[in-house]
Protein backbone atom coordinates (compact mmCIF):
# COMPACT_ATOMS: atom_id res chain seq x y z
CA UNK A 1 22.50 6.35 -19.80
CA UNK A 2 25.97 7.13 -21.20
CA UNK A 3 26.38 10.88 -21.81
CA UNK A 4 29.97 10.76 -23.15
CA UNK A 5 30.19 10.43 -26.97
CA UNK A 6 32.23 7.49 -28.27
CA UNK A 7 33.26 9.20 -31.54
CA UNK A 8 36.82 10.68 -31.11
CA UNK A 9 36.01 13.42 -33.61
CA UNK A 10 33.11 14.56 -31.49
CA UNK A 11 35.06 14.37 -28.22
CA UNK A 12 37.04 17.45 -29.26
CA UNK A 13 34.12 19.66 -28.22
CA UNK A 14 31.93 19.34 -25.11
CA UNK A 15 28.66 17.55 -25.75
CA UNK A 16 25.42 18.61 -24.16
CA UNK A 17 24.40 16.24 -21.38
CA UNK A 18 21.17 14.55 -22.34
CA UNK A 19 20.34 14.07 -18.67
CA UNK A 20 20.78 17.79 -18.01
CA UNK A 21 18.51 18.65 -20.93
CA UNK A 22 15.94 16.05 -19.84
CA UNK A 23 16.01 17.48 -16.33
CA UNK A 24 15.32 21.00 -17.57
CA UNK A 25 12.56 19.98 -19.94
CA UNK A 26 10.85 17.75 -17.37
CA UNK A 27 11.06 20.39 -14.65
CA UNK A 28 9.66 23.20 -16.82
CA UNK A 29 6.86 21.02 -18.20
CA UNK A 30 5.92 19.76 -14.72
CA UNK A 31 5.72 23.23 -13.16
CA UNK A 32 2.29 24.18 -14.58
CA UNK A 33 0.99 20.69 -13.74
CA UNK A 34 1.26 21.16 -9.98
CA UNK A 35 -2.41 20.29 -9.42
CA UNK A 36 -2.31 17.31 -11.80
CA UNK A 37 0.39 15.09 -10.36
CA UNK A 38 3.37 17.20 -11.46
CA UNK A 39 5.15 16.60 -8.16
CA UNK A 40 6.43 13.19 -9.27
CA UNK A 41 7.88 14.62 -12.50
CA UNK A 42 9.38 17.47 -10.48
CA UNK A 43 11.16 15.02 -8.18
CA UNK A 44 12.51 13.14 -11.20
CA UNK A 45 13.81 16.36 -12.74
CA UNK A 46 15.72 17.09 -9.53
CA UNK A 47 17.21 13.58 -9.57
CA UNK A 48 18.18 13.80 -13.24
CA UNK A 49 19.70 17.24 -12.71
CA UNK A 50 21.85 16.11 -9.79
CA UNK A 51 23.07 13.04 -11.68
CA UNK A 52 23.84 15.23 -14.71
CA UNK A 53 25.90 17.66 -12.61
CA UNK A 54 27.92 14.78 -11.21
CA UNK A 55 28.56 13.31 -14.66
CA UNK A 56 29.53 16.71 -16.08
CA UNK A 57 31.98 17.20 -13.22
CA UNK A 58 33.57 13.79 -13.82
CA UNK A 59 33.57 14.03 -17.61
CA UNK A 60 36.88 15.88 -17.91
CA UNK A 61 35.31 18.79 -19.83
CA UNK A 62 33.74 16.49 -22.42
CA UNK A 63 30.21 17.31 -21.22
CA UNK A 64 28.41 20.60 -20.77
CA UNK A 65 24.96 21.56 -19.56
CA UNK A 66 25.31 22.78 -15.98
CA UNK A 67 22.85 25.56 -16.70
CA UNK A 68 20.28 23.11 -18.02
CA UNK A 69 20.80 20.85 -15.01
CA UNK A 70 20.39 23.70 -12.52
CA UNK A 71 17.26 24.85 -14.37
CA UNK A 72 15.79 21.37 -14.01
CA UNK A 73 16.75 21.18 -10.34
CA UNK A 74 15.24 24.59 -9.55
CA UNK A 75 12.03 23.91 -11.48
CA UNK A 76 11.78 20.43 -9.99
CA UNK A 77 12.18 21.69 -6.43
CA UNK A 78 9.56 24.39 -7.04
CA UNK A 79 7.14 21.87 -8.54
CA UNK A 80 7.62 19.39 -5.71
CA UNK A 81 7.11 22.02 -3.00
CA UNK A 82 4.06 23.52 -4.72
CA UNK A 83 2.59 20.03 -5.22
CA UNK A 84 2.96 19.28 -1.52
CA UNK A 85 1.27 22.59 -0.69
CA UNK A 86 -1.54 21.79 -3.16
CA UNK A 87 -2.11 18.32 -1.69
CA UNK A 88 -2.17 19.79 1.82
CA UNK A 89 -4.70 22.45 0.78
CA UNK A 90 -6.97 19.93 -0.97
CA UNK A 91 -6.76 17.58 2.02
CA UNK A 92 -7.82 20.44 4.28
CA UNK A 93 -10.75 21.26 1.98
CA UNK A 94 -11.81 17.60 1.90
CA UNK A 95 -11.88 17.51 5.69
CA UNK A 96 -13.90 20.73 5.70
CA UNK A 97 -16.40 19.35 3.17
CA UNK A 98 -16.72 16.06 5.06
CA UNK A 99 -17.53 18.03 8.20
CA UNK A 100 -20.10 20.16 6.33
CA UNK A 101 -21.71 17.02 4.89
CA UNK A 102 -21.88 15.31 8.28
CA UNK A 103 -23.25 18.43 9.95
CA UNK A 104 -25.89 18.99 7.26
CA UNK A 105 -27.12 15.39 7.39
CA UNK A 106 -27.20 15.44 11.18
CA UNK A 107 -29.13 18.72 11.30
CA UNK A 108 -31.61 17.37 8.76
CA UNK A 109 -32.29 14.10 10.57
CA UNK A 110 -32.43 15.83 13.98
CA UNK A 111 -34.86 18.55 12.88
CA UNK A 112 -37.81 18.42 15.29
CA UNK A 113 -38.98 22.02 15.56
CA UNK A 114 -39.34 25.15 13.45
CA UNK A 115 -36.03 26.48 14.76
CA UNK A 116 -34.01 23.32 14.10
CA UNK A 117 -35.68 22.84 10.71
CA UNK A 118 -34.72 26.35 9.61
CA UNK A 119 -31.18 25.69 10.83
CA UNK A 120 -31.05 22.47 8.80
CA UNK A 121 -32.34 24.31 5.72
CA UNK A 122 -29.18 26.46 5.76
CA UNK A 123 -27.17 23.32 4.95
CA UNK A 124 -29.13 22.74 1.75
CA UNK A 125 -28.10 24.23 -1.56
CA UNK A 126 -29.96 27.21 -2.96
CA UNK A 127 -31.22 25.07 -5.84
CA UNK A 128 -32.80 22.67 -3.35
CA UNK A 129 -33.94 25.21 -0.75
CA UNK A 130 -36.04 27.02 -3.37
CA UNK A 131 -38.23 23.93 -3.58
CA UNK A 132 -37.68 22.55 -0.06
CA UNK A 133 -39.08 24.22 3.03
CA UNK A 134 -38.18 23.96 6.68
CA UNK A 135 -41.55 22.31 7.28
CA UNK A 136 -40.80 19.60 4.70
CA UNK A 137 -37.44 18.93 6.36
CA UNK A 138 -39.21 18.53 9.72
CA UNK A 139 -41.71 16.10 8.18
CA UNK A 140 -38.93 14.10 6.52
CA UNK A 141 -36.96 13.93 9.77
CA UNK A 142 -40.05 12.77 11.67
CA UNK A 143 -40.67 10.05 9.07
CA UNK A 144 -37.04 8.86 9.34
CA UNK A 145 -37.18 8.76 13.14
CA UNK A 146 -40.48 6.91 13.02
CA UNK A 147 -38.99 4.23 10.75
CA UNK A 148 -35.46 3.84 12.05
CA UNK A 149 -35.18 5.68 15.37
CA UNK A 150 -32.74 8.45 16.23
CA UNK A 151 -29.88 9.20 13.86
CA UNK A 152 -26.46 8.34 15.28
CA UNK A 153 -23.71 8.72 12.67
CA UNK A 154 -22.81 9.04 9.00
CA UNK A 155 -20.18 6.91 7.26
CA UNK A 156 -18.56 7.72 3.91
CA UNK A 157 -18.11 4.74 1.57
CA UNK A 158 -17.06 6.51 -1.63
CA UNK A 159 -16.66 10.13 -2.68
CA UNK A 160 -14.96 12.29 -5.28
CA UNK A 161 -11.49 12.75 -3.83
CA UNK A 162 -10.31 15.50 -6.17
CA UNK A 163 -13.32 17.49 -7.41
CA UNK A 164 -12.84 20.59 -9.51
CA UNK A 165 -12.51 23.79 -7.51
CA UNK A 166 -13.75 25.98 -10.36
CA UNK A 167 -17.45 26.81 -10.59
CA UNK A 168 -20.32 24.84 -9.07
CA UNK A 169 -20.27 21.03 -9.14
CA UNK A 170 -22.51 18.19 -8.02
CA UNK A 171 -20.99 15.35 -6.00
CA UNK A 172 -22.54 12.02 -5.06
CA UNK A 173 -21.43 10.32 -1.83
CA UNK A 174 -22.24 6.67 -1.19
CA UNK A 175 -22.81 6.51 2.55
CA UNK A 176 -24.05 4.49 5.49
CA UNK A 177 -26.54 5.87 8.00
CA UNK A 178 -26.40 4.50 11.54
CA UNK A 179 -29.75 4.75 13.30
CA UNK A 180 -30.90 3.44 16.65
CA UNK A 181 -32.52 0.48 14.84
CA UNK A 182 -29.40 -0.36 12.82
CA UNK A 183 -27.43 0.61 9.73
CA UNK A 184 -28.87 1.63 6.37
CA UNK A 185 -27.03 2.29 3.13
CA UNK A 186 -27.80 5.25 0.94
CA UNK A 187 -26.44 8.26 -0.88
CA UNK A 188 -26.12 11.98 -0.34
CA UNK A 189 -25.88 14.31 -3.31
CA UNK A 190 -24.21 17.62 -2.58
CA UNK A 191 -23.13 20.72 -4.47
CA UNK A 192 -19.87 22.61 -4.19
CA UNK A 193 -20.61 26.30 -4.43
CA UNK A 194 -18.04 29.09 -4.26
CA UNK A 195 -19.51 32.29 -2.77
CA UNK A 196 -18.60 35.55 -4.47
CA UNK A 197 -16.73 36.71 -1.37
CA UNK A 198 -14.66 33.52 -0.93
CA UNK A 199 -12.20 31.37 -2.88
CA UNK A 200 -13.09 28.25 -0.90
CA UNK A 201 -16.08 26.19 -2.15
CA UNK A 202 -18.77 25.33 0.38
CA UNK A 203 -20.52 21.97 0.36
CA UNK A 204 -24.32 22.03 0.59
CA UNK A 205 -26.75 19.11 0.47
CA UNK A 206 -28.93 18.61 -2.61
CA UNK A 207 -30.64 15.29 -1.81
CA UNK A 208 -30.66 12.36 0.61
CA UNK A 209 -31.52 8.76 -0.27
CA UNK A 210 -31.98 6.08 2.40
CA UNK A 211 -32.21 2.56 0.99
CA UNK A 212 -35.22 0.78 2.44
CA UNK A 213 -36.26 -2.62 1.01
CA UNK A 214 -39.57 -2.38 2.89
CA UNK A 215 -40.55 0.87 1.17
CA UNK A 216 -42.67 0.65 -2.02
CA UNK A 217 -39.86 2.01 -4.21
CA UNK A 218 -37.04 0.49 -2.16
CA UNK A 219 -35.72 3.83 -0.91
CA UNK A 220 -36.64 6.95 0.99
CA UNK A 221 -35.83 10.01 -1.13
CA UNK A 222 -35.73 13.64 -0.04
CA UNK A 223 -36.68 15.90 -1.61
CA UNK A 224 -39.23 13.57 -3.22
CA UNK A 225 -39.12 13.25 -7.02
CA UNK A 226 -41.44 15.63 -8.81
C-alpha cells in the first residue's frame, strides 16, 4: 500500500497515512470484541501501526498520522493481551467443567449405597434432582453394573468448546463409557449454572444416555422419559 500521494499539488501538505488510520480503527473496533476473536484484529492493528510509523518517518514530512498509529498500536496490544487472558480463563473453566462432568458420571455409576447415592445426587442439576432421588440413582447404577460391569472411565468425543457464560445453559456431550465388559457410546446432557455467590458457572448433570443395541429402545436413559 503506497501512502505517499503522487499529485505534486497535494504533496505540499502532509497526507494522513491510511495505514495509521486503519491501525487505529481496527484496534478500537477490536477492543470490545476480546471474547469474540478480537485478538487477531488486535495483532493486525499493531502490525499496521508499526509499519505506518516507519513509513511516516521515511516520508520526508509528506505523511502524518503518528497519533493514529500509536492509538492503533496501544489498542491492539491491549486487545491481544486481553484476548490471551480470556482464552486462558476459558481454557481453565473448560478443564474445570470436564472434571465436574467426569466426577458426576463416576459418582453416579459407582453409587451402591444410600451415602454414595446422595453424594452422586449433588452432581445433578436442581431441575433434575427435583424429579430424581438418591434411590433412583442407586437403582440406575445397579442396572448399569449388572449389564456392563464396573465403570472405568469417561471419554469426551464432542462438546461445546465456547459456551456462553451468561445465565444457565444446557450442553450435550457425546461421550464414550468404558466398562469392565467393554466400551459403549452415549451422551451426557449437563447444565451450566452460575450460583448467586459466584461468577464461575458450575456444570451439573441433567441426563445420561448409554447406547445399547440389545435394549428394547436401543439405549439406557436416566432419568427415564416421562
